[in-house]
Amino acid sequence: MKYLIRQKIALRFLITLFLIISSLTSYGQSKNFIDQPYLETTARVDTLVIPDRIYLSILITEADTKGKTSVEKLENKMADKLKTLGIDIEKQLTLTDLGSNFKKYFLRKVDVQKDKEYSLLVYDAVTAGRVIMGLESIGISNLNLTKTEYSSLEKLKIDLRKRAVGAAKNQAEAMVLPLDQKLGHALFISDLNTGVQYRMEERMVRVQMSKEADEDQPIEIEFEKIKVESTVNVKFAIQ
């Protein structure tokens, strides 16, 4: 019994000693960092890029023709038109939703009106304009601009981080210059924010076609540029 009590006392002593040593070590490291002269600065860089992945939502519904033209015929017309515009429908066109007006069917005992929704990917504003104009010419005008992206975004983020760190260094060197001191190595670097600022709202895109309109001529359409920025915080030693 006495042996067990002694073991517990010894174990508690070792644990307490370990905690004291760990605390002193941590304090010493923190103290060494704080005691040395250093300069802290924050820098931000940003850029604007033109989106090269543009997503259009296309809704085909029999309601637009009052049930006179089936969804199947409408989507075949759409596919033919997109092919003439140079769209690879196997890679750029995907079906996102298929629906039928069953509620109307059960209440009124009329034919079911079907609809299909597609997502179309194009790579520039000119092509998007041609698609909108071309589909309007065959009676398909329910289009939404749903999303824009920049395909090389991750590579751009890395480049902006480099530029932000470089800007932080330039700022720090300018700050120590009047003090007749030199900037040492970096003690701490933090990526505060590297990301994209979107101001994109889903909106309906409609085109008013005139009888004289040339569907081979793209309409004037522009997409808001995407803003990408990076903010870093750097602590430099001062020599």
Protein backbone atom coordinates (compact mmCIF):
# COMPACT_ATOMS: atom_id res chain seq x y z
CA MET A 1 0.00 0.00 0.00
CA LYS A 2 2.81 2.40 0.94
CA TYR A 3 4.60 1.44 -2.27
CA LEU A 4 1.59 2.44 -4.38
CA ILE A 5 1.31 5.77 -2.57
CA ARG A 6 4.97 6.50 -3.24
CA GLN A 7 4.53 5.66 -6.91
CA LYS A 8 1.59 8.08 -7.22
CA ILE A 9 3.56 10.85 -5.50
CA ALA A 10 6.54 10.26 -7.80
CA LEU A 11 4.28 10.29 -10.88
CA ARG A 12 2.67 13.56 -9.83
CA PHE A 13 6.09 15.09 -9.25
CA LEU A 14 7.26 14.07 -12.73
CA ILE A 15 4.12 15.47 -14.36
CA THR A 16 4.49 18.78 -12.50
CA LEU A 17 8.17 18.98 -13.44
CA PHE A 18 7.34 18.32 -17.10
CA LEU A 19 4.70 21.06 -17.15
CA ILE A 20 7.11 23.56 -15.58
CA ILE A 21 9.85 22.75 -18.09
CA SER A 22 7.42 22.99 -21.03
CA SER A 23 6.13 26.32 -19.78
CA LEU A 24 9.64 27.72 -19.38
CA THR A 25 10.66 26.50 -22.84
CA SER A 26 7.61 28.06 -24.45
CA TYR A 27 8.16 31.30 -22.56
CA GLY A 28 11.81 31.36 -23.57
CA GLN A 29 10.97 30.91 -27.26
CA SER A 30 8.31 33.61 -27.10
CA LYS A 31 10.61 35.91 -25.22
CA ASN A 32 13.42 35.42 -27.74
CA PHE A 33 11.08 36.34 -30.59
CA ILE A 34 9.70 39.40 -28.85
CA ASP A 35 13.04 40.65 -27.59
CA GLN A 36 14.71 40.87 -31.00
CA PRO A 37 14.00 43.99 -33.07
CA TYR A 38 11.51 43.33 -35.84
CA LEU A 39 9.23 45.18 -38.20
CA GLU A 40 5.72 44.05 -39.10
CA THR A 41 4.00 45.06 -42.33
CA THR A 42 0.93 44.09 -44.34
CA ALA A 43 0.65 44.28 -48.12
CA ARG A 44 -2.17 43.69 -50.55
CA VAL A 45 -2.10 43.21 -54.33
CA ASP A 46 -4.97 42.58 -56.71
CA THR A 47 -5.73 42.17 -60.38
CA LEU A 48 -8.69 41.87 -62.73
CA VAL A 49 -9.08 38.96 -65.14
CA ILE A 50 -11.53 38.31 -67.93
CA PRO A 51 -13.64 35.19 -67.26
CA ASP A 52 -12.93 32.37 -69.70
CA ARG A 53 -15.53 29.90 -68.47
CA ILE A 54 -19.08 31.24 -68.87
CA TYR A 55 -22.08 29.14 -67.89
CA LEU A 56 -25.49 29.73 -69.46
CA SER A 57 -28.65 28.02 -68.27
CA ILE A 58 -31.04 27.18 -71.12
CA LEU A 59 -34.66 26.28 -70.40
CA ILE A 60 -36.65 24.50 -73.09
CA THR A 61 -40.35 24.25 -72.34
CA GLU A 62 -43.41 23.25 -74.31
CA ALA A 63 -45.30 26.08 -72.62
CA ASP A 64 -43.49 28.60 -74.84
CA THR A 65 -45.18 27.10 -77.90
CA LYS A 66 -48.44 26.36 -76.04
CA GLY A 67 -47.77 22.67 -76.43
CA LYS A 68 -47.54 22.82 -80.22
CA THR A 69 -43.86 21.80 -80.31
CA SER A 70 -42.49 18.96 -78.21
CA VAL A 71 -39.44 19.31 -76.02
CA GLU A 72 -37.72 16.69 -78.13
CA LYS A 73 -38.12 18.77 -81.30
CA LEU A 74 -37.02 21.92 -79.51
CA GLU A 75 -33.88 20.31 -78.13
CA ASN A 76 -33.00 18.88 -81.56
CA LYS A 77 -33.33 22.37 -83.04
CA MET A 78 -31.17 23.71 -80.23
CA ALA A 79 -28.50 21.04 -80.79
CA ASP A 80 -28.37 21.77 -84.53
CA LYS A 81 -28.09 25.51 -83.93
CA LEU A 82 -25.32 25.09 -81.35
CA LYS A 83 -23.33 22.87 -83.71
CA THR A 84 -23.49 25.54 -86.42
CA LEU A 85 -22.04 27.96 -83.87
CA GLY A 86 -19.04 25.70 -83.27
CA ILE A 87 -20.22 24.33 -79.91
CA ASP A 88 -19.13 20.81 -78.97
CA ILE A 89 -22.41 19.72 -77.38
CA GLU A 90 -20.92 16.50 -76.00
CA LYS A 91 -18.38 18.46 -73.91
CA GLN A 92 -20.06 21.81 -73.36
CA LEU A 93 -23.76 20.97 -72.97
CA THR A 94 -25.19 19.04 -70.01
CA LEU A 95 -28.73 18.29 -68.89
CA THR A 96 -29.38 19.67 -65.41
CA ASP A 97 -33.12 19.18 -64.93
CA LEU A 98 -36.09 17.40 -66.50
CA GLY A 99 -39.60 18.22 -65.36
CA SER A 100 -43.27 17.87 -66.20
CA ASN A 101 -46.30 19.83 -65.09
CA PHE A 102 -47.99 16.90 -63.32
CA LYS A 103 -50.00 19.16 -61.01
CA LYS A 104 -51.70 20.79 -63.98
CA TYR A 105 -52.30 17.36 -65.52
CA PHE A 106 -54.11 15.95 -62.48
CA LEU A 107 -56.22 19.08 -61.88
CA ARG A 108 -57.28 19.80 -65.45
CA LYS A 109 -56.83 16.43 -67.16
CA VAL A 110 -54.84 17.98 -70.00
CA ASP A 111 -51.66 16.86 -71.67
CA VAL A 112 -48.50 17.01 -69.61
CA GLN A 113 -46.21 19.86 -70.64
CA LYS A 114 -42.57 18.95 -70.31
CA ASP A 115 -39.50 21.06 -69.92
CA LYS A 116 -35.76 20.51 -69.84
CA GLU A 117 -33.00 22.68 -68.46
CA TYR A 118 -29.44 22.59 -69.75
CA SER A 119 -26.15 24.11 -68.70
CA LEU A 120 -23.96 25.37 -71.53
CA LEU A 121 -20.28 26.22 -71.11
CA VAL A 122 -18.70 28.75 -73.45
CA TYR A 123 -15.27 30.33 -73.26
CA ASP A 124 -15.72 33.96 -74.26
CA ALA A 125 -18.29 36.73 -74.46
CA VAL A 126 -18.42 36.72 -78.25
CA THR A 127 -19.48 33.08 -78.34
CA ALA A 128 -22.00 33.69 -75.57
CA GLY A 129 -23.51 36.50 -77.62
CA ARG A 130 -23.77 34.30 -80.69
CA VAL A 131 -25.43 31.53 -78.68
CA ILE A 132 -28.00 33.91 -77.18
CA MET A 133 -28.77 35.41 -80.57
CA GLY A 134 -28.85 32.04 -82.36
CA LEU A 135 -31.21 30.40 -79.88
CA GLU A 136 -33.49 33.40 -79.91
CA SER A 137 -33.79 33.03 -83.68
CA ILE A 138 -35.30 29.54 -83.24
CA GLY A 139 -37.65 30.57 -80.46
CA ILE A 140 -35.57 29.69 -77.38
CA SER A 141 -35.15 32.77 -75.23
CA ASN A 142 -35.17 31.48 -71.63
CA LEU A 143 -31.47 31.89 -70.85
CA ASN A 144 -29.76 32.68 -67.55
CA LEU A 145 -26.18 33.71 -67.00
CA THR A 146 -25.47 31.58 -63.94
CA LYS A 147 -21.72 31.68 -63.33
CA THR A 148 -18.39 32.95 -64.64
CA GLU A 149 -14.97 31.53 -63.80
CA TYR A 150 -11.29 32.00 -64.59
CA SER A 151 -9.64 28.68 -65.49
CA SER A 152 -6.11 29.57 -64.28
CA LEU A 153 -7.29 30.89 -60.91
CA GLU A 154 -5.06 28.73 -58.68
CA LYS A 155 -1.94 29.62 -60.64
CA LEU A 156 -2.89 33.29 -60.42
CA LYS A 157 -3.37 33.04 -56.63
CA ILE A 158 0.19 31.70 -56.22
CA ASP A 159 1.56 34.54 -58.35
CA LEU A 160 -0.36 37.12 -56.32
CA ARG A 161 1.00 35.70 -53.04
CA LYS A 162 4.54 36.10 -54.38
CA ARG A 163 3.83 39.65 -55.44
CA ALA A 164 2.25 40.47 -52.06
CA VAL A 165 5.29 39.17 -50.15
CA GLY A 166 7.54 41.17 -52.47
CA ALA A 167 5.46 44.28 -51.84
CA ALA A 168 5.70 43.69 -48.09
CA LYS A 169 9.48 43.47 -48.34
CA ASN A 170 9.66 46.71 -50.36
CA GLN A 171 7.52 48.47 -47.77
CA ALA A 172 9.65 47.20 -44.91
CA GLU A 173 12.91 48.25 -46.61
CA ALA A 174 11.52 51.73 -47.19
CA MET A 175 10.49 51.98 -43.53
CA VAL A 176 13.93 51.10 -42.09
CA LEU A 177 15.85 53.24 -44.59
CA PRO A 178 15.45 56.53 -42.63
CA LEU A 179 16.65 54.71 -39.50
CA ASP A 180 19.96 53.77 -41.13
CA GLN A 181 19.22 50.12 -40.41
CA LYS A 182 19.00 47.02 -42.55
CA LEU A 183 16.20 44.56 -42.99
CA GLY A 184 16.92 41.02 -41.85
CA HIS A 185 15.30 37.73 -42.74
CA ALA A 186 11.57 37.08 -42.43
CA LEU A 187 10.51 35.80 -39.01
CA PHE A 188 6.85 35.19 -39.78
CA ILE A 189 4.63 35.14 -42.87
CA SER A 190 0.85 34.85 -42.84
CA ASP A 191 -1.53 34.62 -45.80
CA LEU A 192 -4.37 36.76 -44.48
CA ASN A 193 -6.55 36.52 -47.55
CA THR A 194 -6.13 35.22 -51.07
CA GLY A 195 -9.34 34.85 -52.98
CA VAL A 196 -11.89 36.06 -55.47
CA GLN A 197 -14.38 38.87 -55.14
CA TYR A 198 -17.55 38.13 -57.08
CA ARG A 199 -20.40 40.52 -57.68
CA MET A 200 -22.29 38.12 -59.88
CA GLU A 201 -26.03 37.82 -59.55
CA GLU A 202 -28.04 35.34 -61.55
CA ARG A 203 -29.93 37.31 -64.15
CA MET A 204 -32.05 36.70 -67.23
CA VAL A 205 -30.40 37.36 -70.56
CA ARG A 206 -32.79 38.25 -73.37
CA VAL A 207 -32.15 39.42 -76.90
CA GLN A 208 -34.53 41.50 -78.97
CA MET A 209 -34.22 40.33 -82.58
CA SER A 210 -35.20 42.52 -85.51
CA LYS A 211 -36.16 41.23 -88.93
CA GLU A 212 -32.97 42.71 -90.37
CA ALA A 213 -30.73 41.16 -87.71
CA ASP A 214 -27.85 39.07 -88.96
CA GLU A 215 -27.49 36.07 -86.66
CA ASP A 216 -23.88 35.61 -87.76
CA GLN A 217 -23.08 38.99 -86.25
CA PRO A 218 -22.49 38.68 -82.48
CA ILE A 219 -24.36 41.03 -80.20
CA GLU A 220 -22.40 43.34 -77.93
CA ILE A 221 -22.12 41.60 -74.59
CA GLU A 222 -19.60 42.01 -71.79
CA PHE A 223 -19.07 40.18 -68.54
CA GLU A 224 -17.77 41.83 -65.42
CA LYS A 225 -14.11 41.11 -64.81
CA ILE A 226 -13.21 38.91 -61.85
CA LYS A 227 -11.18 40.57 -59.10
CA VAL A 228 -8.54 38.39 -57.44
CA GLU A 229 -6.52 39.69 -54.51
CA SER A 230 -3.96 38.57 -51.95
CA THR A 231 -3.11 40.07 -48.55
CA VAL A 232 -0.12 38.94 -46.49
CA ASN A 233 1.36 39.88 -43.13
CA VAL A 234 5.15 39.60 -42.73
CA LYS A 235 7.45 40.17 -39.75
CA PHE A 236 11.06 40.98 -40.63
CA ALA A 237 14.06 41.06 -38.30
CA ILE A 238 15.85 44.42 -38.09
CA GLN A 239 19.64 44.39 -38.06
